[in-house]
PDB file of all heavy atoms in Angstrom:
ATOM      1  N   MET A   1     116.095 173.978 155.972  1.00  0.00           N
ATOM      2  CA  MET A   1     117.139 172.974 156.118  1.00  0.00           C
ATOM      3  C   MET A   1     117.294 172.520 157.569  1.00  0.00           C
ATOM      4  O   MET A   1     118.221 171.787 157.903  1.00  0.00           O
ATOM      5  CB  MET A   1     118.460 173.498 155.558  1.00  0.00           C
ATOM      6  CG  MET A   1     118.512 173.390 154.050  1.00  0.00           C
ATOM      7  SD  MET A   1     120.092 173.829 153.343  1.00  0.00           S
ATOM      8  CE  MET A   1     120.100 175.597 153.585  1.00  0.00           C
ATOM      9  N   SER A   2     116.387 172.936 158.407  1.00  0.00           N
ATOM     10  CA  SER A   2     116.393 172.451 159.786  1.00  0.00           C
ATOM     11  C   SER A   2     115.585 171.173 159.929  1.00  0.00           C
ATOM     12  O   SER A   2     115.860 170.347 160.803  1.00  0.00           O
ATOM     13  CB  SER A   2     115.835 173.516 160.732  1.00  0.00           C
ATOM     14  OG  SER A   2     114.478 173.796 160.418  1.00  0.00           O
ATOM     15  N   ASP A   3     114.585 170.992 159.051  1.00  0.00           N
ATOM     16  CA  ASP A   3     113.726 169.819 159.207  1.00  0.00           C
ATOM     17  C   ASP A   3     113.225 169.226 157.891  1.00  0.00           C
ATOM     18  O   ASP A   3     112.264 168.465 157.880  1.00  0.00           O
ATOM     19  CB  ASP A   3     112.523 170.170 160.082  1.00  0.00           C
ATOM     20  CG  ASP A   3     111.661 171.274 159.477  1.00  0.00           C
ATOM     21  OD1 ASP A   3     112.024 171.806 158.403  1.00  0.00           O
ATOM     22  OD2 ASP A   3     110.616 171.608 160.071  1.00  0.00           O
ATOM     23  N   CYS A   4     113.858 169.560 156.748  1.00  0.00           N
ATOM     24  CA  CYS A   4     113.414 168.968 155.483  1.00  0.00           C
ATOM     25  C   CYS A   4     113.796 167.489 155.443  1.00  0.00           C
ATOM     26  O   CYS A   4     114.551 167.005 156.282  1.00  0.00           O
ATOM     27  CB  CYS A   4     114.022 169.717 154.288  1.00  0.00           C
ATOM     28  SG  CYS A   4     115.802 169.534 154.108  1.00  0.00           S
ATOM     29  N   SER A   5     113.290 166.762 154.460  1.00  0.00           N
ATOM     30  CA  SER A   5     113.542 165.323 154.380  1.00  0.00           C
ATOM     31  C   SER A   5     114.955 165.030 153.875  1.00  0.00           C
ATOM     32  O   SER A   5     115.614 165.887 153.269  1.00  0.00           O
ATOM     33  CB  SER A   5     112.521 164.662 153.452  1.00  0.00           C
ATOM     34  OG  SER A   5     112.735 165.072 152.112  1.00  0.00           O
ATOM     35  N   VAL A   6     115.402 163.814 154.114  1.00  0.00           N
ATOM     36  CA  VAL A   6     116.712 163.369 153.639  1.00  0.00           C
ATOM     37  C   VAL A   6     116.780 163.434 152.116  1.00  0.00           C
ATOM     38  O   VAL A   6     117.771 163.899 151.543  1.00  0.00           O
ATOM     39  CB  VAL A   6     117.001 161.927 154.120  1.00  0.00           C
ATOM     40  CG1 VAL A   6     118.164 161.315 153.339  1.00  0.00           C
ATOM     41  CG2 VAL A   6     117.320 161.918 155.605  1.00  0.00           C
ATOM     42  N   SER A   7     115.718 162.966 151.455  1.00  0.00           N
ATOM     43  CA  SER A   7     115.708 162.947 149.989  1.00  0.00           C
ATOM     44  C   SER A   7     115.729 164.360 149.411  1.00  0.00           C
ATOM     45  O   SER A   7     116.420 164.624 148.423  1.00  0.00           O
ATOM     46  CB  SER A   7     114.482 162.183 149.466  1.00  0.00           C
ATOM     47  OG  SER A   7     113.280 162.784 149.926  1.00  0.00           O
ATOM     48  N   LEU A   8     114.998 165.290 150.032  1.00  0.00           N
ATOM     49  CA  LEU A   8     114.993 166.672 149.558  1.00  0.00           C
ATOM     50  C   LEU A   8     116.370 167.303 149.757  1.00  0.00           C
ATOM     51  O   LEU A   8     116.868 168.036 148.888  1.00  0.00           O
ATOM     52  CB  LEU A   8     113.934 167.486 150.282  1.00  0.00           C
ATOM     53  CG  LEU A   8     113.796 168.950 149.852  1.00  0.00           C
ATOM     54  CD1 LEU A   8     113.412 169.032 148.380  1.00  0.00           C
ATOM     55  CD2 LEU A   8     112.770 169.682 150.711  1.00  0.00           C
ATOM     56  N   ALA A   9     117.004 167.006 150.889  1.00  0.00           N
ATOM     57  CA  ALA A   9     118.342 167.535 151.157  1.00  0.00           C
ATOM     58  C   ALA A   9     119.342 167.027 150.114  1.00  0.00           C
ATOM     59  O   ALA A   9     120.178 167.790 149.623  1.00  0.00           O
ATOM     60  CB  ALA A   9     118.797 167.141 152.557  1.00  0.00           C
ATOM     61  N   ASN A  10     119.245 165.746 149.769  1.00  0.00           N
ATOM     62  CA  ASN A  10     120.122 165.183 148.741  1.00  0.00           C
ATOM     63  C   ASN A  10     119.894 165.846 147.397  1.00  0.00           C
ATOM     64  O   ASN A  10     120.834 166.163 146.664  1.00  0.00           O
ATOM     65  CB  ASN A  10     119.903 163.674 148.615  1.00  0.00           C
ATOM     66  CG  ASN A  10     120.725 162.885 149.617  1.00  0.00           C
ATOM     67  OD1 ASN A  10     121.756 163.348 150.091  1.00  0.00           O
ATOM     68  ND2 ASN A  10     120.269 161.693 149.948  1.00  0.00           N
ATOM     69  N   SER A  11     118.627 166.061 147.060  1.00  0.00           N
ATOM     70  CA  SER A  11     118.292 166.693 145.783  1.00  0.00           C
ATOM     71  C   SER A  11     118.818 168.122 145.728  1.00  0.00           C
ATOM     72  O   SER A  11     119.333 168.569 144.701  1.00  0.00           O
ATOM     73  CB  SER A  11     116.777 166.695 145.571  1.00  0.00           C
ATOM     74  OG  SER A  11     116.277 165.388 145.468  1.00  0.00           O
ATOM     75  N   PHE A  12     118.694 168.836 146.845  1.00  0.00           N
ATOM     76  CA  PHE A  12     119.155 170.226 146.898  1.00  0.00           C
ATOM     77  C   PHE A  12     120.681 170.296 146.788  1.00  0.00           C
ATOM     78  O   PHE A  12     121.226 171.142 146.084  1.00  0.00           O
ATOM     79  CB  PHE A  12     118.685 170.882 148.191  1.00  0.00           C
ATOM     80  CG  PHE A  12     118.975 172.354 148.281  1.00  0.00           C
ATOM     81  CD1 PHE A  12     118.732 173.199 147.203  1.00  0.00           C
ATOM     82  CD2 PHE A  12     119.481 172.911 149.454  1.00  0.00           C
ATOM     83  CE1 PHE A  12     118.990 174.562 147.278  1.00  0.00           C
ATOM     84  CE2 PHE A  12     119.744 174.273 149.545  1.00  0.00           C
ATOM     85  CZ  PHE A  12     119.503 175.101 148.454  1.00  0.00           C
ATOM     86  N   LEU A  13     121.374 169.380 147.470  1.00  0.00           N
ATOM     87  CA  LEU A  13     122.835 169.350 147.391  1.00  0.00           C
ATOM     88  C   LEU A  13     123.295 169.027 145.972  1.00  0.00           C
ATOM     89  O   LEU A  13     124.221 169.654 145.443  1.00  0.00           O
ATOM     90  CB  LEU A  13     123.390 168.326 148.379  1.00  0.00           C
ATOM     91  CG  LEU A  13     124.912 168.157 148.410  1.00  0.00           C
ATOM     92  CD1 LEU A  13     125.595 169.491 148.723  1.00  0.00           C
ATOM     93  CD2 LEU A  13     125.308 167.107 149.440  1.00  0.00           C
ATOM     94  N   THR A  14     122.639 168.061 145.351  1.00  0.00           N
ATOM     95  CA  THR A  14     122.953 167.717 143.961  1.00  0.00           C
ATOM     96  C   THR A  14     122.727 168.901 143.037  1.00  0.00           C
ATOM     97  O   THR A  14     123.518 169.179 142.140  1.00  0.00           O
ATOM     98  CB  THR A  14     122.093 166.525 143.495  1.00  0.00           C
ATOM     99  OG1 THR A  14     122.390 165.387 144.295  1.00  0.00           O
ATOM    100  CG2 THR A  14     122.376 166.179 142.038  1.00  0.00           C
ATOM    101  N   PHE A  15     121.629 169.637 143.271  1.00  0.00           N
ATOM    102  CA  PHE A  15     121.301 170.814 142.474  1.00  0.00           C
ATOM    103  C   PHE A  15     122.392 171.877 142.607  1.00  0.00           C
ATOM    104  O   PHE A  15     122.802 172.491 141.616  1.00  0.00           O
ATOM    105  CB  PHE A  15     119.955 171.379 142.938  1.00  0.00           C
ATOM    106  CG  PHE A  15     119.538 172.648 142.254  1.00  0.00           C
ATOM    107  CD1 PHE A  15     118.952 172.620 140.998  1.00  0.00           C
ATOM    108  CD2 PHE A  15     119.745 173.873 142.868  1.00  0.00           C
ATOM    109  CE1 PHE A  15     118.566 173.795 140.365  1.00  0.00           C
ATOM    110  CE2 PHE A  15     119.367 175.049 142.245  1.00  0.00           C
ATOM    111  CZ  PHE A  15     118.778 175.008 140.986  1.00  0.00           C
ATOM    112  N   ILE A  16     122.884 172.094 143.827  1.00  0.00           N
ATOM    113  CA  ILE A  16     123.926 173.099 144.060  1.00  0.00           C
ATOM    114  C   ILE A  16     125.215 172.721 143.339  1.00  0.00           C
ATOM    115  O   ILE A  16     125.839 173.553 142.672  1.00  0.00           O
ATOM    116  CB  ILE A  16     124.189 173.265 145.571  1.00  0.00           C
ATOM    117  CG1 ILE A  16     122.956 173.852 146.272  1.00  0.00           C
ATOM    118  CG2 ILE A  16     125.395 174.166 145.809  1.00  0.00           C
ATOM    119  CD1 ILE A  16     123.071 173.863 147.783  1.00  0.00           C
ATOM    120  N   ILE A  17     125.617 171.442 143.473  1.00  0.00           N
ATOM    121  CA  ILE A  17     126.845 170.988 142.811  1.00  0.00           C
ATOM    122  C   ILE A  17     126.716 171.122 141.303  1.00  0.00           C
ATOM    123  O   ILE A  17     127.630 171.593 140.618  1.00  0.00           O
ATOM    124  CB  ILE A  17     127.165 169.533 143.203  1.00  0.00           C
ATOM    125  CG1 ILE A  17     127.423 169.429 144.709  1.00  0.00           C
ATOM    126  CG2 ILE A  17     128.376 169.022 142.442  1.00  0.00           C
ATOM    127  CD1 ILE A  17     127.583 168.010 145.214  1.00  0.00           C
ATOM    128  N   ASP A  18     125.575 170.708 140.776  1.00  0.00           N
ATOM    129  CA  ASP A  18     125.335 170.783 139.332  1.00  0.00           C
ATOM    130  C   ASP A  18     125.396 172.230 138.857  1.00  0.00           C
ATOM    131  O   ASP A  18     125.965 172.540 137.804  1.00  0.00           O
ATOM    132  CB  ASP A  18     123.968 170.168 139.017  1.00  0.00           C
ATOM    133  CG  ASP A  18     123.730 170.034 137.524  1.00  0.00           C
ATOM    134  OD1 ASP A  18     124.686 169.693 136.815  1.00  0.00           O
ATOM    135  OD2 ASP A  18     122.598 170.278 137.073  1.00  0.00           O
ATOM    136  N   PHE A  19     124.818 173.144 139.633  1.00  0.00           N
ATOM    137  CA  PHE A  19     124.818 174.566 139.281  1.00  0.00           C
ATOM    138  C   PHE A  19     126.252 175.099 139.235  1.00  0.00           C
ATOM    139  O   PHE A  19     126.625 175.834 138.322  1.00  0.00           O
ATOM    140  CB  PHE A  19     123.988 175.350 140.306  1.00  0.00           C
ATOM    141  CG  PHE A  19     123.876 176.823 140.011  1.00  0.00           C
ATOM    142  CD1 PHE A  19     122.891 177.291 139.171  1.00  0.00           C
ATOM    143  CD2 PHE A  19     124.756 177.727 140.593  1.00  0.00           C
ATOM    144  CE1 PHE A  19     122.781 178.655 138.893  1.00  0.00           C
ATOM    145  CE2 PHE A  19     124.657 179.084 140.319  1.00  0.00           C
ATOM    146  CZ  PHE A  19     123.666 179.547 139.471  1.00  0.00           C
ATOM    147  N   CYS A  20     127.059 174.734 140.235  1.00  0.00           N
ATOM    148  CA  CYS A  20     128.452 175.192 140.276  1.00  0.00           C
ATOM    149  C   CYS A  20     129.241 174.686 139.085  1.00  0.00           C
ATOM    150  O   CYS A  20     130.053 175.404 138.501  1.00  0.00           O
ATOM    151  CB  CYS A  20     129.113 174.735 141.574  1.00  0.00           C
ATOM    152  SG  CYS A  20     128.558 175.617 143.049  1.00  0.00           S
ATOM    153  N   ILE A  21     129.001 173.443 138.704  1.00  0.00           N
ATOM    154  CA  ILE A  21     129.701 172.863 137.554  1.00  0.00           C
ATOM    155  C   ILE A  21     129.325 173.593 136.274  1.00  0.00           C
ATOM    156  O   ILE A  21     130.185 173.984 135.482  1.00  0.00           O
ATOM    157  CB  ILE A  21     129.391 171.356 137.436  1.00  0.00           C
ATOM    158  CG1 ILE A  21     130.016 170.592 138.611  1.00  0.00           C
ATOM    159  CG2 ILE A  21     129.919 170.802 136.113  1.00  0.00           C
ATOM    160  CD1 ILE A  21     129.604 169.139 138.674  1.00  0.00           C
ATOM    161  N   LYS A  22     128.027 173.792 136.061  1.00  0.00           N
ATOM    162  CA  LYS A  22     127.557 174.413 134.822  1.00  0.00           C
ATOM    163  C   LYS A  22     127.959 175.883 134.730  1.00  0.00           C
ATOM    164  O   LYS A  22     128.238 176.388 133.640  1.00  0.00           O
ATOM    165  CB  LYS A  22     126.034 174.281 134.722  1.00  0.00           C
ATOM    166  CG  LYS A  22     125.561 172.861 134.446  1.00  0.00           C
ATOM    167  CD  LYS A  22     124.046 172.787 134.351  1.00  0.00           C
ATOM    168  CE  LYS A  22     123.582 171.379 134.011  1.00  0.00           C
ATOM    169  NZ  LYS A  22     122.109 171.274 133.943  1.00  0.00           N
ATOM    170  N   GLN A  23     128.001 176.578 135.864  1.00  0.00           N
ATOM    171  CA  GLN A  23     128.339 177.999 135.873  1.00  0.00           C
ATOM    172  C   GLN A  23     129.833 178.243 136.097  1.00  0.00           C
ATOM    173  O   GLN A  23     130.260 179.385 136.222  1.00  0.00           O
ATOM    174  CB  GLN A  23     127.527 178.723 136.954  1.00  0.00           C
ATOM    175  CG  GLN A  23     126.024 178.635 136.775  1.00  0.00           C
ATOM    176  CD  GLN A  23     125.548 179.241 135.471  1.00  0.00           C
ATOM    177  OE1 GLN A  23     126.068 180.269 135.037  1.00  0.00           O
ATOM    178  NE2 GLN A  23     124.570 178.617 134.837  1.00  0.00           N
ATOM    179  N   ASP A  24     130.596 177.165 136.176  1.00  0.00           N
ATOM    180  CA  ASP A  24     132.051 177.257 136.357  1.00  0.00           C
ATOM    181  C   ASP A  24     132.408 178.009 137.634  1.00  0.00           C
ATOM    182  O   ASP A  24     133.328 178.832 137.658  1.00  0.00           O
ATOM    183  CB  ASP A  24     132.706 177.929 135.142  1.00  0.00           C
ATOM    184  CG  ASP A  24     134.196 177.606 135.035  1.00  0.00           C
ATOM    185  OD1 ASP A  24     134.597 176.542 135.536  1.00  0.00           O
ATOM    186  OD2 ASP A  24     134.946 178.419 134.478  1.00  0.00           O
ATOM    187  N   ILE A  25     131.677 177.715 138.702  1.00  0.00           N
ATOM    188  CA  ILE A  25     131.959 178.305 140.007  1.00  0.00           C
ATOM    189  C   ILE A  25     132.866 177.347 140.780  1.00  0.00           C
ATOM    190  O   ILE A  25     132.473 176.212 141.053  1.00  0.00           O
ATOM    191  CB  ILE A  25     130.657 178.548 140.801  1.00  0.00           C
ATOM    192  CG1 ILE A  25     129.753 179.528 140.047  1.00  0.00           C
ATOM    193  CG2 ILE A  25     130.963 179.074 142.200  1.00  0.00           C
ATOM    194  CD1 ILE A  25     128.390 179.706 140.681  1.00  0.00           C
ATOM    195  N   PRO A  26     134.078 177.768 141.127  1.00  0.00           N
ATOM    196  CA  PRO A  26     134.990 176.864 141.842  1.00  0.00           C
ATOM    197  C   PRO A  26     134.515 176.617 143.265  1.00  0.00           C
ATOM    198  O   PRO A  26     133.908 177.486 143.887  1.00  0.00           O
ATOM    199  CB  PRO A  26     136.318 177.627 141.832  1.00  0.00           C
ATOM    200  CG  PRO A  26     135.916 179.064 141.750  1.00  0.00           C
ATOM    201  CD  PRO A  26     134.666 179.098 140.914  1.00  0.00           C
ATOM    202  N   PHE A  27     134.739 175.422 143.747  1.00  0.00           N
ATOM    203  CA  PHE A  27     134.376 175.139 145.129  1.00  0.00           C
ATOM    204  C   PHE A  27     135.503 174.385 145.817  1.00  0.00           C
ATOM    205  O   PHE A  27     136.124 173.503 145.255  1.00  0.00           O
ATOM    206  CB  PHE A  27     133.060 174.349 145.221  1.00  0.00           C
ATOM    207  CG  PHE A  27     132.950 173.188 144.267  1.00  0.00           C
ATOM    208  CD1 PHE A  27     133.383 171.921 144.617  1.00  0.00           C
ATOM    209  CD2 PHE A  27     132.397 173.375 143.009  1.00  0.00           C
ATOM    210  CE1 PHE A  27     133.265 170.866 143.743  1.00  0.00           C
ATOM    211  CE2 PHE A  27     132.272 172.308 142.129  1.00  0.00           C
ATOM    212  CZ  PHE A  27     132.714 171.048 142.493  1.00  0.00           C
ATOM    213  N   LYS A  28     135.762 174.784 147.055  1.00  0.00           N
ATOM    214  CA  LYS A  28     136.837 174.183 147.837  1.00  0.00           C
ATOM    215  C   LYS A  28     136.341 172.977 148.618  1.00  0.00           C
ATOM    216  O   LYS A  28     137.080 172.054 148.906  1.00  0.00           O
ATOM    217  CB  LYS A  28     137.408 175.214 148.816  1.00  0.00           C
ATOM    218  CG  LYS A  28     137.926 176.492 148.153  1.00  0.00           C
ATOM    219  CD  LYS A  28     138.514 177.448 149.153  1.00  0.00           C
ATOM    220  CE  LYS A  28     137.457 178.015 150.079  1.00  0.00           C
ATOM    221  NZ  LYS A  28     136.530 178.936 149.398  1.00  0.00           N
ATOM    222  N   THR A  29     135.066 172.995 148.965  1.00  0.00           N
ATOM    223  CA  THR A  29     134.509 171.954 149.808  1.00  0.00           C
ATOM    224  C   THR A  29     134.523 170.603 149.104  1.00  0.00           C
ATOM    225  O   THR A  29     134.070 170.488 147.969  1.00  0.00           O
ATOM    226  CB  THR A  29     133.049 172.301 150.187  1.00  0.00           C
ATOM    227  OG1 THR A  29     133.022 173.610 150.715  1.00  0.00           O
ATOM    228  CG2 THR A  29     132.527 171.316 151.204  1.00  0.00           C
ATOM    229  N   LYS A  30     135.026 169.586 149.779  1.00  0.00           N
ATOM    230  CA  LYS A  30     135.087 168.258 149.160  1.00  0.00           C
ATOM    231  C   LYS A  30     133.762 167.531 149.355  1.00  0.00           C
ATOM    232  O   LYS A  30     133.622 166.654 150.191  1.00  0.00           O
ATOM    233  CB  LYS A  30     136.233 167.441 149.749  1.00  0.00           C
ATOM    234  CG  LYS A  30     137.607 167.876 149.275  1.00  0.00           C
ATOM    235  CD  LYS A  30     138.654 166.835 149.588  1.00  0.00           C
ATOM    236  CE  LYS A  30     138.387 165.570 148.785  1.00  0.00           C
ATOM    237  NZ  LYS A  30     139.444 164.561 148.959  1.00  0.00           N
ATOM    238  N   VAL A  31     132.780 167.914 148.570  1.00  0.00           N
ATOM    239  CA  VAL A  31     131.490 167.236 148.608  1.00  0.00           C
ATOM    240  C   VAL A  31     131.241 166.516 147.287  1.00  0.00           C
ATOM    241  O   VAL A  31     130.172 165.996 147.049  1.00  0.00           O
ATOM    242  CB  VAL A  31     130.335 168.229 148.875  1.00  0.00           C
ATOM    243  CG1 VAL A  31     130.471 168.854 150.234  1.00  0.00           C
ATOM    244  CG2 VAL A  31     130.280 169.282 147.806  1.00  0.00           C
ATOM    245  N   ILE A  32     132.257 166.492 146.435  1.00  0.00           N
ATOM    246  CA  ILE A  32     132.079 165.864 145.129  1.00  0.00           C
ATOM    247  C   ILE A  32     131.800 164.370 145.270  1.00  0.00           C
ATOM    248  O   ILE A  32     131.308 163.728 144.353  1.00  0.00           O
ATOM    249  CB  ILE A  32     133.323 166.115 144.243  1.00  0.00           C
ATOM    250  CG1 ILE A  32     132.967 166.073 142.759  1.00  0.00           C
ATOM    251  CG2 ILE A  32     134.452 165.166 144.570  1.00  0.00           C
ATOM    252  CD1 ILE A  32     132.172 167.239 142.284  1.00  0.00           C
ATOM    253  N   ASP A  33     132.123 163.803 146.470  1.00  0.00           N
ATOM    254  CA  ASP A  33     131.841 162.389 146.693  1.00  0.00           C
ATOM    255  C   ASP A  33     130.353 162.101 146.661  1.00  0.00           C
ATOM    256  O   ASP A  33     129.930 160.954 146.504  1.00  0.00           O
ATOM    257  CB  ASP A  33     132.430 161.925 148.030  1.00  0.00           C
ATOM    258  CG  ASP A  33     131.883 162.707 149.218  1.00  0.00           C
ATOM    259  OD1 ASP A  33     131.671 163.920 149.073  1.00  0.00           O
ATOM    260  OD2 ASP A  33     131.679 162.098 150.274  1.00  0.00           O
ATOM    261  N   GLU A  34     129.527 163.148 146.806  1.00  0.00           N
ATOM    262  CA  GLU A  34     128.083 162.969 146.777  1.00  0.00           C
ATOM    263  C   GLU A  34     127.572 162.591 145.384  1.00  0.00           C
ATOM    264  O   GLU A  34     126.447 162.128 145.245  1.00  0.00           O
ATOM    265  CB  GLU A  34     127.398 164.255 147.229  1.00  0.00           C
ATOM    266  CG  GLU A  34     127.590 164.577 148.691  1.00  0.00           C
ATOM    267  CD  GLU A  34     126.921 163.566 149.594  1.00  0.00           C
ATOM    268  OE1 GLU A  34     125.782 163.201 149.334  1.00  0.00           O
ATOM    269  OE2 GLU A  34     127.565 163.129 150.567  1.00  0.00           O
ATOM    270  N   ILE A  35     128.371 162.800 144.337  1.00  0.00           N
ATOM    271  CA  ILE A  35     127.848 162.592 142.989  1.00  0.00           C
ATOM    272  C   ILE A  35     128.363 161.314 142.356  1.00  0.00           C
ATOM    273  O   ILE A  35     128.111 161.059 141.196  1.00  0.00           O
ATOM    274  CB  ILE A  35     128.207 163.784 142.075  1.00  0.00           C
ATOM    275  CG1 ILE A  35     129.676 163.712 141.645  1.00  0.00           C
ATOM    276  CG2 ILE A  35     127.903 165.097 142.723  1.00  0.00           C
ATOM    277  CD1 ILE A  35     130.029 164.695 140.578  1.00  0.00           C
ATOM    278  N   TRP A  36     129.058 160.478 143.110  1.00  0.00           N
ATOM    279  CA  TRP A  36     129.721 159.324 142.502  1.00  0.00           C
ATOM    280  C   TRP A  36     128.763 158.408 141.758  1.00  0.00           C
ATOM    281  O   TRP A  36     129.117 157.799 140.766  1.00  0.00           O
ATOM    282  CB  TRP A  36     130.494 158.533 143.558  1.00  0.00           C
ATOM    283  CG  TRP A  36     129.635 157.770 144.518  1.00  0.00           C
ATOM    284  CD1 TRP A  36     129.139 158.214 145.694  1.00  0.00           C
ATOM    285  CD2 TRP A  36     129.167 156.421 144.395  1.00  0.00           C
ATOM    286  NE1 TRP A  36     128.396 157.252 146.320  1.00  0.00           N
ATOM    287  CE2 TRP A  36     128.398 156.140 145.549  1.00  0.00           C
ATOM    288  CE3 TRP A  36     129.323 155.429 143.441  1.00  0.00           C
ATOM    289  CZ2 TRP A  36     127.788 154.909 145.755  1.00  0.00           C
ATOM    290  CZ3 TRP A  36     128.714 154.199 143.643  1.00  0.00           C
ATOM    291  CH2 TRP A  36     127.959 153.949 144.790  1.00  0.00           C
ATOM    292  N   ASN A  37     127.540 158.296 142.217  1.00  0.00           N
ATOM    293  CA  ASN A  37     126.609 157.383 141.554  1.00  0.00           C
ATOM    294  C   ASN A  37     125.571 158.119 140.721  1.00  0.00           C
ATOM    295  O   ASN A  37     124.567 157.562 140.339  1.00  0.00           O
ATOM    296  CB  ASN A  37     125.882 156.514 142.594  1.00  0.00           C
ATOM    297  CG  ASN A  37     125.058 157.349 143.557  1.00  0.00           C
ATOM    298  OD1 ASN A  37     125.183 158.559 143.594  1.00  0.00           O
ATOM    299  ND2 ASN A  37     124.228 156.691 144.336  1.00  0.00           N
ATOM    300  N   ASP A  38     125.832 159.385 140.428  1.00  0.00           N
ATOM    301  CA  ASP A  38     124.902 160.171 139.630  1.00  0.00           C
ATOM    302  C   ASP A  38     125.483 160.387 138.243  1.00  0.00           C
ATOM    303  O   ASP A  38     126.357 161.211 138.041  1.00  0.00           O
ATOM    304  CB  ASP A  38     124.639 161.516 140.305  1.00  0.00           C
ATOM    305  CG  ASP A  38     123.469 162.255 139.675  1.00  0.00           C
ATOM    306  OD1 ASP A  38     123.399 162.264 138.428  1.00  0.00           O
ATOM    307  OD2 ASP A  38     122.649 162.815 140.408  1.00  0.00           O
ATOM    308  N   TYR A  39     124.967 159.639 137.258  1.00  0.00           N
ATOM    309  CA  TYR A  39     125.509 159.691 135.900  1.00  0.00           C
ATOM    310  C   TYR A  39     125.425 161.092 135.329  1.00  0.00           C
ATOM    311  O   TYR A  39     126.354 161.570 134.685  1.00  0.00           O
ATOM    312  CB  TYR A  39     124.745 158.711 135.004  1.00  0.00           C
ATOM    313  CG  TYR A  39     125.176 158.744 133.559  1.00  0.00           C
ATOM    314  CD1 TYR A  39     126.235 157.977 133.112  1.00  0.00           C
ATOM    315  CD2 TYR A  39     124.514 159.565 132.646  1.00  0.00           C
ATOM    316  CE1 TYR A  39     126.628 158.011 131.784  1.00  0.00           C
ATOM    317  CE2 TYR A  39     124.902 159.615 131.322  1.00  0.00           C
ATOM    318  CZ  TYR A  39     125.956 158.828 130.894  1.00  0.00           C
ATOM    319  OH  TYR A  39     126.362 158.873 129.596  1.00  0.00           O
ATOM    320  N   GLY A  40     124.318 161.779 135.590  1.00  0.00           N
ATOM    321  CA  GLY A  40     124.140 163.104 135.008  1.00  0.00           C
ATOM    322  C   GLY A  40     125.196 164.095 135.454  1.00  0.00           C
ATOM    323  O   GLY A  40     125.722 164.864 134.656  1.00  0.00           O
TER     324      GLY A  40
END
C-alpha cells in the first residue's frame, strides 16, 4: 500500500467495506462515501 495503483487501492477498499457489511463487522470510519456509485 506504499506504491500500488489507484485502481487497485480502490478495489481493495471496496473489498474491505463489502467484507465488513457481509460479516456484520461494525465500522466507525466514515468511508461509506466510497461506495455511493457502486450498485453491488
